[in-house]
Amino acid sequence: MQPVASSLTAAAPAQRIAHLARTMSSSSSAAGAGTATSSAPAPWRSLFLEHINTMPAPEFTLATLHDSSSGAGGPGPGLVPRARTCIHRGLFASLPVNPKNEAPLNPPAYESDLLTLTTDARMHKTPDLAAGHPVEAVFWAREPATQWRVRGVAYVLPRDADADAALTARLLREMRRTGEGEGEGDARGWSFSREVTAHFGNLSPGEGLGQVVTDLEDEVARANFRVVVVVPDEVDRVDLSDPKRGRRWLYRRAIREGDWEKNREEGGSSHTDAYSINAMLR
């Protein structure tokens, strides 16, 4: 039997991307459709948001894998890396308040640890982000001198996101109830499609260069607008605030949904900090 690496090399690029996506998302266990199962915020969440808030603009570099063999120029080398600068739009289900946003908002029934960005379906990166493909987002927070690398899988939400039951169930498993709002009624009234519209109201791609869209239901702009959600499987934090003492923390998703393991490296040695009962599962 050939080794796995050899079979992957011979596989089509699209199949290899799918294999990588399954591998990176395998740490998330299955849960019932339509049920939020994440119970506690990730241990890195609070500090990550604190550092993002120190940045003049929440810019980051998004790295993806691109299948160049299907390009118009004929067969290419297969999978190639792609990187571009994007804007972080907050954590999913926690869209920052914008007084200029006239779109209807969801009730504050959920929160998550999922990164969001927005894009246009006509952009070349959209196919690289589809169907749970692996990605890495790299942030440099200058003031705290800390680099954040968030690795995981991406999902793309269109205008009618509620119509994709499998996709919404997958993301809902990564969300948790906030305890705010009016209870179960708010949770039932929460809509993925409404969340996409709310992001569109914050900032929508133009129909053409220099054209501004102000209508929330503009057909061309809405047809092309996408919200990208990144489900983290691994978060790598490097603190360079002290040049003589660089420190690194690596958070990995454990087998059980919502559990993380945290490793700290300092001066060539490694320490493991268990923060919850189920943190050390691998």
C-alpha atoms as a PDB file:
ATOM      1  CA  MET A   1       0.000   0.000   0.000  1.00  0.00           C
ATOM      2  CA  GLN A   2       1.346   3.407  -0.927  1.00  0.00           C
ATOM      3  CA  PRO A   3       1.868   5.945   1.857  1.00  0.00           C
ATOM      4  CA  VAL A   4      -0.791   8.636   2.293  1.00  0.00           C
ATOM      5  CA  ALA A   5       1.601  11.372   1.185  1.00  0.00           C
ATOM      6  CA  SER A   6       2.142   9.652  -2.164  1.00  0.00           C
ATOM      7  CA  SER A   7      -1.552   9.179  -2.828  1.00  0.00           C
ATOM      8  CA  LEU A   8      -2.183  12.821  -2.033  1.00  0.00           C
ATOM      9  CA  THR A   9       0.538  13.927  -4.415  1.00  0.00           C
ATOM     10  CA  ALA A  10      -1.088  11.996  -7.208  1.00  0.00           C
ATOM     11  CA  ALA A  11      -4.585  13.215  -6.384  1.00  0.00           C
ATOM     12  CA  ALA A  12      -6.226  16.088  -8.169  1.00  0.00           C
ATOM     13  CA  PRO A  13      -5.669  19.486  -6.492  1.00  0.00           C
ATOM     14  CA  ALA A  14      -9.354  19.843  -5.641  1.00  0.00           C
ATOM     15  CA  GLN A  15      -9.292  16.461  -3.884  1.00  0.00           C
ATOM     16  CA  ARG A  16      -6.170  17.425  -1.979  1.00  0.00           C
ATOM     17  CA  ILE A  17      -7.796  20.649  -0.788  1.00  0.00           C
ATOM     18  CA  ALA A  18     -10.835  18.669   0.334  1.00  0.00           C
ATOM     19  CA  HIS A  19      -8.569  16.241   2.206  1.00  0.00           C
ATOM     20  CA  LEU A  20      -6.792  19.108   3.971  1.00  0.00           C
ATOM     21  CA  ALA A  21     -10.123  20.666   4.892  1.00  0.00           C
ATOM     22  CA  ARG A  22     -11.349  17.407   6.420  1.00  0.00           C
ATOM     23  CA  THR A  23      -8.080  16.998   8.306  1.00  0.00           C
ATOM     24  CA  MET A  24      -8.137  20.513   9.757  1.00  0.00           C
ATOM     25  CA  SER A  25     -11.788  20.320  10.785  1.00  0.00           C
ATOM     26  CA  SER A  26     -11.689  16.782  12.203  1.00  0.00           C
ATOM     27  CA  SER A  27     -11.201  18.098  15.733  1.00  0.00           C
ATOM     28  CA  SER A  28     -14.766  19.403  15.747  1.00  0.00           C
ATOM     29  CA  SER A  29     -17.102  16.591  16.720  1.00  0.00           C
ATOM     30  CA  ALA A  30     -20.568  16.164  15.256  1.00  0.00           C
ATOM     31  CA  ALA A  31     -23.538  17.701  17.056  1.00  0.00           C
ATOM     32  CA  GLY A  32     -27.238  17.924  16.463  1.00  0.00           C
ATOM     33  CA  ALA A  33     -28.293  20.184  13.621  1.00  0.00           C
ATOM     34  CA  GLY A  34     -29.617  23.543  14.697  1.00  0.00           C
ATOM     35  CA  THR A  35     -28.086  23.331  18.195  1.00  0.00           C
ATOM     36  CA  ALA A  36     -25.464  25.666  19.621  1.00  0.00           C
ATOM     37  CA  THR A  37     -22.988  23.434  21.477  1.00  0.00           C
ATOM     38  CA  SER A  38     -20.022  25.710  22.217  1.00  0.00           C
ATOM     39  CA  SER A  39     -20.237  26.406  25.946  1.00  0.00           C
ATOM     40  CA  ALA A  40     -17.405  28.763  26.877  1.00  0.00           C
ATOM     41  CA  PRO A  41     -15.315  31.383  25.072  1.00  0.00           C
ATOM     42  CA  ALA A  42     -11.960  30.224  23.732  1.00  0.00           C
ATOM     43  CA  PRO A  43      -9.113  31.031  26.153  1.00  0.00           C
ATOM     44  CA  TRP A  44      -7.455  33.319  23.601  1.00  0.00           C
ATOM     45  CA  ARG A  45     -10.612  35.283  22.689  1.00  0.00           C
ATOM     46  CA  SER A  46     -10.486  38.123  25.207  1.00  0.00           C
ATOM     47  CA  LEU A  47      -6.832  39.055  24.638  1.00  0.00           C
ATOM     48  CA  PHE A  48      -7.202  38.711  20.871  1.00  0.00           C
ATOM     49  CA  LEU A  49     -10.060  41.231  20.839  1.00  0.00           C
ATOM     50  CA  GLU A  50      -8.126  43.519  23.169  1.00  0.00           C
ATOM     51  CA  HIS A  51      -5.174  43.527  20.766  1.00  0.00           C
ATOM     52  CA  ILE A  52      -7.395  44.024  17.705  1.00  0.00           C
ATOM     53  CA  ASN A  53      -8.852  47.112  19.360  1.00  0.00           C
ATOM     54  CA  THR A  54      -5.359  48.655  19.585  1.00  0.00           C
ATOM     55  CA  MET A  55      -4.874  48.502  15.817  1.00  0.00           C
ATOM     56  CA  PRO A  56      -5.597  51.642  13.745  1.00  0.00           C
ATOM     57  CA  ALA A  57      -7.288  49.343  11.214  1.00  0.00           C
ATOM     58  CA  PRO A  58      -7.988  45.637  11.830  1.00  0.00           C
ATOM     59  CA  GLU A  59      -5.997  44.491   8.804  1.00  0.00           C
ATOM     60  CA  PHE A  60      -4.623  40.984   8.459  1.00  0.00           C
ATOM     61  CA  THR A  61      -3.072  38.727   5.848  1.00  0.00           C
ATOM     62  CA  LEU A  62      -5.244  35.847   4.694  1.00  0.00           C
ATOM     63  CA  ALA A  63      -3.454  32.839   3.209  1.00  0.00           C
ATOM     64  CA  THR A  64      -5.298  30.230   1.137  1.00  0.00           C
ATOM     65  CA  LEU A  65      -4.582  27.367  -1.251  1.00  0.00           C
ATOM     66  CA  HIS A  66      -5.424  27.953  -4.902  1.00  0.00           C
ATOM     67  CA  ASP A  67      -6.013  25.263  -7.518  1.00  0.00           C
ATOM     68  CA  SER A  68      -4.034  26.657 -10.453  1.00  0.00           C
ATOM     69  CA  SER A  69      -4.643  23.591 -12.637  1.00  0.00           C
ATOM     70  CA  SER A  70      -8.139  24.812 -13.560  1.00  0.00           C
ATOM     71  CA  GLY A  71      -7.067  28.268 -14.783  1.00  0.00           C
ATOM     72  CA  ALA A  72      -7.746  29.638 -18.230  1.00  0.00           C
ATOM     73  CA  GLY A  73      -4.076  29.342 -19.107  1.00  0.00           C
ATOM     74  CA  GLY A  74      -4.158  25.557 -18.959  1.00  0.00           C
ATOM     75  CA  PRO A  75      -2.803  23.115 -16.396  1.00  0.00           C
ATOM     76  CA  GLY A  76      -0.643  24.757 -13.756  1.00  0.00           C
ATOM     77  CA  PRO A  77       1.502  23.381 -10.926  1.00  0.00           C
ATOM     78  CA  GLY A  78      -1.554  22.333  -8.894  1.00  0.00           C
ATOM     79  CA  LEU A  79      -1.982  23.817  -5.431  1.00  0.00           C
ATOM     80  CA  VAL A  80      -0.234  27.158  -4.944  1.00  0.00           C
ATOM     81  CA  PRO A  81      -0.361  29.593  -2.009  1.00  0.00           C
ATOM     82  CA  ARG A  82      -2.239  32.859  -2.223  1.00  0.00           C
ATOM     83  CA  ALA A  83      -2.119  35.727   0.294  1.00  0.00           C
ATOM     84  CA  ARG A  84      -3.981  39.019   0.429  1.00  0.00           C
ATOM     85  CA  THR A  85      -4.684  41.819   2.906  1.00  0.00           C
ATOM     86  CA  CYS A  86      -8.195  41.783   4.364  1.00  0.00           C
ATOM     87  CA  ILE A  87     -10.188  43.628   7.013  1.00  0.00           C
ATOM     88  CA  HIS A  88     -11.407  41.786  10.083  1.00  0.00           C
ATOM     89  CA  ARG A  89     -15.136  42.431  10.574  1.00  0.00           C
ATOM     90  CA  GLY A  90     -15.401  41.213  14.141  1.00  0.00           C
ATOM     91  CA  LEU A  91     -16.394  37.839  15.525  1.00  0.00           C
ATOM     92  CA  PHE A  92     -19.409  36.188  13.964  1.00  0.00           C
ATOM     93  CA  ALA A  93     -22.755  36.965  15.632  1.00  0.00           C
ATOM     94  CA  SER A  94     -21.161  39.976  17.384  1.00  0.00           C
ATOM     95  CA  LEU A  95     -21.202  42.599  14.632  1.00  0.00           C
ATOM     96  CA  PRO A  96     -19.887  45.893  16.065  1.00  0.00           C
ATOM     97  CA  VAL A  97     -22.525  48.595  16.414  1.00  0.00           C
ATOM     98  CA  ASN A  98     -22.435  51.118  13.578  1.00  0.00           C
ATOM     99  CA  PRO A  99     -24.910  54.028  13.771  1.00  0.00           C
ATOM    100  CA  LYS A 100     -24.733  54.366   9.981  1.00  0.00           C
ATOM    101  CA  ASN A 101     -25.809  50.775   9.433  1.00  0.00           C
ATOM    102  CA  GLU A 102     -29.507  50.834   8.523  1.00  0.00           C
ATOM    103  CA  ALA A 103     -29.804  47.062   8.145  1.00  0.00           C
ATOM    104  CA  PRO A 104     -31.954  45.110  10.620  1.00  0.00           C
ATOM    105  CA  LEU A 105     -29.844  43.384  13.255  1.00  0.00           C
ATOM    106  CA  ASN A 106     -30.213  39.999  14.875  1.00  0.00           C
ATOM    107  CA  PRO A 107     -31.146  39.842  18.564  1.00  0.00           C
ATOM    108  CA  PRO A 108     -28.076  39.450  20.831  1.00  0.00           C
ATOM    109  CA  ALA A 109     -28.798  35.767  21.396  1.00  0.00           C
ATOM    110  CA  TYR A 110     -25.462  34.295  20.263  1.00  0.00           C
ATOM    111  CA  GLU A 111     -21.732  34.913  20.224  1.00  0.00           C
ATOM    112  CA  SER A 112     -18.775  32.959  18.852  1.00  0.00           C
ATOM    113  CA  ASP A 113     -15.001  32.764  18.418  1.00  0.00           C
ATOM    114  CA  LEU A 114     -15.273  32.784  14.607  1.00  0.00           C
ATOM    115  CA  LEU A 115     -13.454  35.414  12.551  1.00  0.00           C
ATOM    116  CA  THR A 116     -15.337  37.220   9.785  1.00  0.00           C
ATOM    117  CA  LEU A 117     -14.427  39.114   6.661  1.00  0.00           C
ATOM    118  CA  THR A 118     -16.437  40.205   3.647  1.00  0.00           C
ATOM    119  CA  THR A 119     -15.744  39.747  -0.039  1.00  0.00           C
ATOM    120  CA  ASP A 120     -17.248  39.848  -3.498  1.00  0.00           C
ATOM    121  CA  ALA A 121     -18.172  36.596  -5.246  1.00  0.00           C
ATOM    122  CA  ARG A 122     -16.396  37.881  -8.358  1.00  0.00           C
ATOM    123  CA  MET A 123     -13.033  38.018  -6.563  1.00  0.00           C
ATOM    124  CA  HIS A 124     -10.512  35.262  -7.307  1.00  0.00           C
ATOM    125  CA  LYS A 125     -10.202  34.313  -3.645  1.00  0.00           C
ATOM    126  CA  THR A 126     -13.845  33.233  -3.318  1.00  0.00           C
ATOM    127  CA  PRO A 127     -13.360  29.698  -4.736  1.00  0.00           C
ATOM    128  CA  ASP A 128     -10.323  29.276  -2.466  1.00  0.00           C
ATOM    129  CA  LEU A 129     -12.578  29.895   0.546  1.00  0.00           C
ATOM    130  CA  ALA A 130     -15.484  27.654  -0.384  1.00  0.00           C
ATOM    131  CA  ALA A 131     -16.634  24.412   1.231  1.00  0.00           C
ATOM    132  CA  GLY A 132     -14.513  24.470   4.350  1.00  0.00           C
ATOM    133  CA  HIS A 133     -11.124  25.018   2.702  1.00  0.00           C
ATOM    134  CA  PRO A 134      -8.090  25.517   4.998  1.00  0.00           C
ATOM    135  CA  VAL A 135      -6.921  29.086   5.633  1.00  0.00           C
ATOM    136  CA  GLU A 136      -4.572  31.026   7.882  1.00  0.00           C
ATOM    137  CA  ALA A 137      -5.093  34.604   9.088  1.00  0.00           C
ATOM    138  CA  VAL A 138      -2.058  36.556  10.360  1.00  0.00           C
ATOM    139  CA  PHE A 139      -2.444  39.724  12.474  1.00  0.00           C
ATOM    140  CA  TRP A 140       0.340  41.993  13.697  1.00  0.00           C
ATOM    141  CA  ALA A 141      -0.734  44.155  16.642  1.00  0.00           C
ATOM    142  CA  ARG A 142       2.009  46.756  16.773  1.00  0.00           C
ATOM    143  CA  GLU A 143       1.234  48.361  20.145  1.00  0.00           C
ATOM    144  CA  PRO A 144       1.352  45.120  22.195  1.00  0.00           C
ATOM    145  CA  ALA A 145       4.032  43.772  19.795  1.00  0.00           C
ATOM    146  CA  THR A 146       2.156  40.542  19.299  1.00  0.00           C
ATOM    147  CA  GLN A 147       1.582  38.387  16.235  1.00  0.00           C
ATOM    148  CA  TRP A 148      -1.573  36.294  16.005  1.00  0.00           C
ATOM    149  CA  ARG A 149      -1.892  33.428  13.525  1.00  0.00           C
ATOM    150  CA  VAL A 150      -5.328  31.851  13.293  1.00  0.00           C
ATOM    151  CA  ARG A 151      -5.520  28.579  11.372  1.00  0.00           C
ATOM    152  CA  GLY A 152      -8.761  26.871  10.490  1.00  0.00           C
ATOM    153  CA  VAL A 153     -11.346  26.379   7.791  1.00  0.00           C
ATOM    154  CA  ALA A 154     -13.449  28.945   5.953  1.00  0.00           C
ATOM    155  CA  TYR A 155     -17.131  28.964   5.076  1.00  0.00           C
ATOM    156  CA  VAL A 156     -18.793  31.423   2.708  1.00  0.00           C
ATOM    157  CA  LEU A 157     -22.263  32.784   3.476  1.00  0.00           C
ATOM    158  CA  PRO A 158     -24.368  34.109   0.579  1.00  0.00           C
ATOM    159  CA  ARG A 159     -27.441  36.326   0.734  1.00  0.00           C
ATOM    160  CA  ASP A 160     -29.795  33.368   1.316  1.00  0.00           C
ATOM    161  CA  ALA A 161     -27.588  31.635   3.887  1.00  0.00           C
ATOM    162  CA  ASP A 162     -30.587  30.240   5.782  1.00  0.00           C
ATOM    163  CA  ALA A 163     -31.396  28.056   2.767  1.00  0.00           C
ATOM    164  CA  ASP A 164     -28.259  25.953   3.337  1.00  0.00           C
ATOM    165  CA  ALA A 165     -29.261  23.824   6.327  1.00  0.00           C
ATOM    166  CA  ALA A 166     -25.976  21.900   6.472  1.00  0.00           C
ATOM    167  CA  LEU A 167     -23.873  25.069   6.473  1.00  0.00           C
ATOM    168  CA  THR A 168     -25.921  26.886   9.099  1.00  0.00           C
ATOM    169  CA  ALA A 169     -26.019  23.798  11.331  1.00  0.00           C
ATOM    170  CA  ARG A 170     -22.227  23.495  11.067  1.00  0.00           C
ATOM    171  CA  LEU A 171     -21.693  27.107  12.131  1.00  0.00           C
ATOM    172  CA  LEU A 172     -24.360  27.017  14.815  1.00  0.00           C
ATOM    173  CA  ARG A 173     -22.417  24.237  16.528  1.00  0.00           C
ATOM    174  CA  GLU A 174     -19.586  26.757  16.970  1.00  0.00           C
ATOM    175  CA  MET A 175     -21.857  29.404  18.515  1.00  0.00           C
ATOM    176  CA  ARG A 176     -23.088  29.762  22.084  1.00  0.00           C
ATOM    177  CA  ARG A 177     -26.029  31.440  23.761  1.00  0.00           C
ATOM    178  CA  THR A 178     -25.258  34.760  25.425  1.00  0.00           C
ATOM    179  CA  GLY A 179     -28.103  34.802  27.920  1.00  0.00           C
ATOM    180  CA  GLU A 180     -29.103  38.236  26.620  1.00  0.00           C
ATOM    181  CA  GLY A 181     -32.308  39.167  24.834  1.00  0.00           C
ATOM    182  CA  GLU A 182     -35.668  37.609  25.530  1.00  0.00           C
ATOM    183  CA  GLY A 183     -34.721  33.959  25.849  1.00  0.00           C
ATOM    184  CA  GLU A 184     -35.657  31.137  23.521  1.00  0.00           C
ATOM    185  CA  GLY A 185     -37.740  33.393  21.300  1.00  0.00           C
ATOM    186  CA  ASP A 186     -34.690  35.456  20.395  1.00  0.00           C
ATOM    187  CA  ALA A 187     -32.696  32.328  19.586  1.00  0.00           C
ATOM    188  CA  ARG A 188     -35.430  31.027  17.288  1.00  0.00           C
ATOM    189  CA  GLY A 189     -35.651  34.409  15.591  1.00  0.00           C
ATOM    190  CA  TRP A 190     -31.916  34.593  14.921  1.00  0.00           C
ATOM    191  CA  SER A 191     -31.170  34.394  11.177  1.00  0.00           C
ATOM    192  CA  PHE A 192     -27.962  33.773   9.229  1.00  0.00           C
ATOM    193  CA  SER A 193     -29.413  35.622   6.242  1.00  0.00           C
ATOM    194  CA  ARG A 194     -30.161  38.645   8.443  1.00  0.00           C
ATOM    195  CA  GLU A 195     -26.584  38.545   9.728  1.00  0.00           C
ATOM    196  CA  VAL A 196     -25.298  38.663   6.140  1.00  0.00           C
ATOM    197  CA  THR A 197     -27.552  41.660   5.437  1.00  0.00           C
ATOM    198  CA  ALA A 198     -26.244  43.388   8.562  1.00  0.00           C
ATOM    199  CA  HIS A 199     -22.668  42.946   7.317  1.00  0.00           C
ATOM    200  CA  PHE A 200     -23.756  44.287   3.928  1.00  0.00           C
ATOM    201  CA  GLY A 201     -25.140  47.381   5.648  1.00  0.00           C
ATOM    202  CA  ASN A 202     -21.768  47.922   7.298  1.00  0.00           C
ATOM    203  CA  LEU A 203     -19.823  47.832   4.052  1.00  0.00           C
ATOM    204  CA  SER A 204     -20.903  46.486   0.682  1.00  0.00           C
ATOM    205  CA  PRO A 205     -18.780  45.814  -2.403  1.00  0.00           C
ATOM    206  CA  GLY A 206     -19.471  48.276  -5.232  1.00  0.00           C
ATOM    207  CA  GLU A 207     -21.009  47.234  -8.526  1.00  0.00           C
ATOM    208  CA  GLY A 208     -18.055  48.766 -10.316  1.00  0.00           C
ATOM    209  CA  LEU A 209     -14.929  50.769  -9.602  1.00  0.00           C
ATOM    210  CA  GLY A 210     -15.808  53.921  -7.699  1.00  0.00           C
ATOM    211  CA  GLN A 211     -19.523  53.145  -7.516  1.00  0.00           C
ATOM    212  CA  VAL A 212     -21.158  53.364  -4.085  1.00  0.00           C
ATOM    213  CA  VAL A 213     -24.153  51.175  -3.218  1.00  0.00           C
ATOM    214  CA  THR A 214     -26.618  52.550  -0.670  1.00  0.00           C
ATOM    215  CA  ASP A 215     -29.632  50.267  -1.223  1.00  0.00           C
ATOM    216  CA  LEU A 216     -29.676  47.262   1.126  1.00  0.00           C
ATOM    217  CA  GLU A 217     -31.562  45.279  -1.513  1.00  0.00           C
ATOM    218  CA  ASP A 218     -29.501  46.309  -4.547  1.00  0.00           C
ATOM    219  CA  GLU A 219     -29.749  43.154  -6.668  1.00  0.00           C
ATOM    220  CA  VAL A 220     -26.322  43.210  -8.307  1.00  0.00           C
ATOM    221  CA  ALA A 221     -24.421  44.086  -5.139  1.00  0.00           C
ATOM    222  CA  ARG A 222     -26.385  41.636  -2.954  1.00  0.00           C
ATOM    223  CA  ALA A 223     -25.927  38.845  -5.480  1.00  0.00           C
ATOM    224  CA  ASN A 224     -22.152  39.263  -5.238  1.00  0.00           C
ATOM    225  CA  PHE A 225     -21.739  40.067  -1.537  1.00  0.00           C
ATOM    226  CA  ARG A 226     -20.354  37.298   0.677  1.00  0.00           C
ATOM    227  CA  VAL A 227     -19.527  36.958   4.367  1.00  0.00           C
ATOM    228  CA  VAL A 228     -16.599  34.639   5.051  1.00  0.00           C
ATOM    229  CA  VAL A 229     -16.494  32.894   8.422  1.00  0.00           C
ATOM    230  CA  VAL A 230     -13.273  31.302   9.675  1.00  0.00           C
ATOM    231  CA  VAL A 231     -13.645  28.475  12.217  1.00  0.00           C
ATOM    232  CA  PRO A 232     -10.343  28.335  14.150  1.00  0.00           C
ATOM    233  CA  ASP A 233      -8.663  25.012  14.890  1.00  0.00           C
ATOM    234  CA  GLU A 234      -5.332  26.456  16.028  1.00  0.00           C
ATOM    235  CA  VAL A 235      -4.288  29.894  17.315  1.00  0.00           C
ATOM    236  CA  ASP A 236      -0.613  30.834  17.564  1.00  0.00           C
ATOM    237  CA  ARG A 237       0.279  33.907  19.667  1.00  0.00           C
ATOM    238  CA  VAL A 238       3.851  35.286  19.721  1.00  0.00           C
ATOM    239  CA  ASP A 239       4.634  38.045  22.235  1.00  0.00           C
ATOM    240  CA  LEU A 240       7.654  40.117  21.174  1.00  0.00           C
ATOM    241  CA  SER A 241       7.122  42.995  23.608  1.00  0.00           C
ATOM    242  CA  ASP A 242      10.383  42.062  25.374  1.00  0.00           C
ATOM    243  CA  PRO A 243      13.164  41.596  22.755  1.00  0.00           C
ATOM    244  CA  LYS A 244      15.177  39.533  25.254  1.00  0.00           C
ATOM    245  CA  ARG A 245      12.337  37.206  26.117  1.00  0.00           C
ATOM    246  CA  GLY A 246      10.156  36.166  23.218  1.00  0.00           C
ATOM    247  CA  ARG A 247       7.207  34.047  24.280  1.00  0.00           C
ATOM    248  CA  ARG A 248       4.818  31.889  22.312  1.00  0.00           C
ATOM    249  CA  TRP A 249       1.449  30.321  23.111  1.00  0.00           C
ATOM    250  CA  LEU A 250      -0.131  27.699  20.894  1.00  0.00           C
ATOM    251  CA  TYR A 251      -3.825  26.920  21.355  1.00  0.00           C
ATOM    252  CA  ARG A 252      -5.167  23.809  19.629  1.00  0.00           C
ATOM    253  CA  ARG A 253      -8.717  22.614  19.352  1.00  0.00           C
ATOM    254  CA  ALA A 254      -9.160  19.422  21.328  1.00  0.00           C
ATOM    255  CA  ILE A 255     -11.303  16.532  20.190  1.00  0.00           C
ATOM    256  CA  ARG A 256     -14.334  17.637  22.141  1.00  0.00           C
ATOM    257  CA  GLU A 257     -16.087  20.641  20.714  1.00  0.00           C
ATOM    258  CA  GLY A 258     -15.312  23.836  22.573  1.00  0.00           C
ATOM    259  CA  ASP A 259     -12.220  22.458  24.365  1.00  0.00           C
ATOM    260  CA  TRP A 260      -8.719  23.774  23.681  1.00  0.00           C
ATOM    261  CA  GLU A 261      -5.231  22.804  24.778  1.00  0.00           C
ATOM    262  CA  LYS A 262      -2.712  25.556  25.415  1.00  0.00           C
ATOM    263  CA  ASN A 263       1.069  25.203  25.114  1.00  0.00           C
ATOM    264  CA  ARG A 264       3.561  27.896  26.087  1.00  0.00           C
ATOM    265  CA  GLU A 265       7.120  28.041  24.740  1.00  0.00           C
ATOM    266  CA  GLU A 266       9.796  30.215  26.261  1.00  0.00           C
ATOM    267  CA  GLY A 267      13.562  30.188  25.832  1.00  0.00           C
ATOM    268  CA  GLY A 268      13.574  26.834  24.039  1.00  0.00           C
ATOM    269  CA  SER A 269      11.474  25.044  26.659  1.00  0.00           C
ATOM    270  CA  SER A 270       7.830  24.115  26.433  1.00  0.00           C
ATOM    271  CA  HIS A 271       5.154  24.273  29.116  1.00  0.00           C
ATOM    272  CA  THR A 272       1.587  23.055  29.010  1.00  0.00           C
ATOM    273  CA  ASP A 273      -1.098  25.048  30.803  1.00  0.00           C
ATOM    274  CA  ALA A 274      -4.387  23.208  31.322  1.00  0.00           C
ATOM    275  CA  TYR A 275      -7.186  25.733  31.714  1.00  0.00           C
ATOM    276  CA  SER A 276     -10.201  23.417  31.902  1.00  0.00           C
ATOM    277  CA  ILE A 277     -11.059  19.863  32.898  1.00  0.00           C
ATOM    278  CA  ASN A 278     -11.217  18.616  29.317  1.00  0.00           C
ATOM    279  CA  ALA A 279      -8.420  20.757  27.901  1.00  0.00           C
ATOM    280  CA  MET A 280      -5.824  18.012  27.544  1.00  0.00           C
ATOM    281  CA  LEU A 281      -7.383  15.577  25.107  1.00  0.00           C
ATOM    282  CA  ARG A 282      -4.470  15.135  22.738  1.00  0.00           C
END
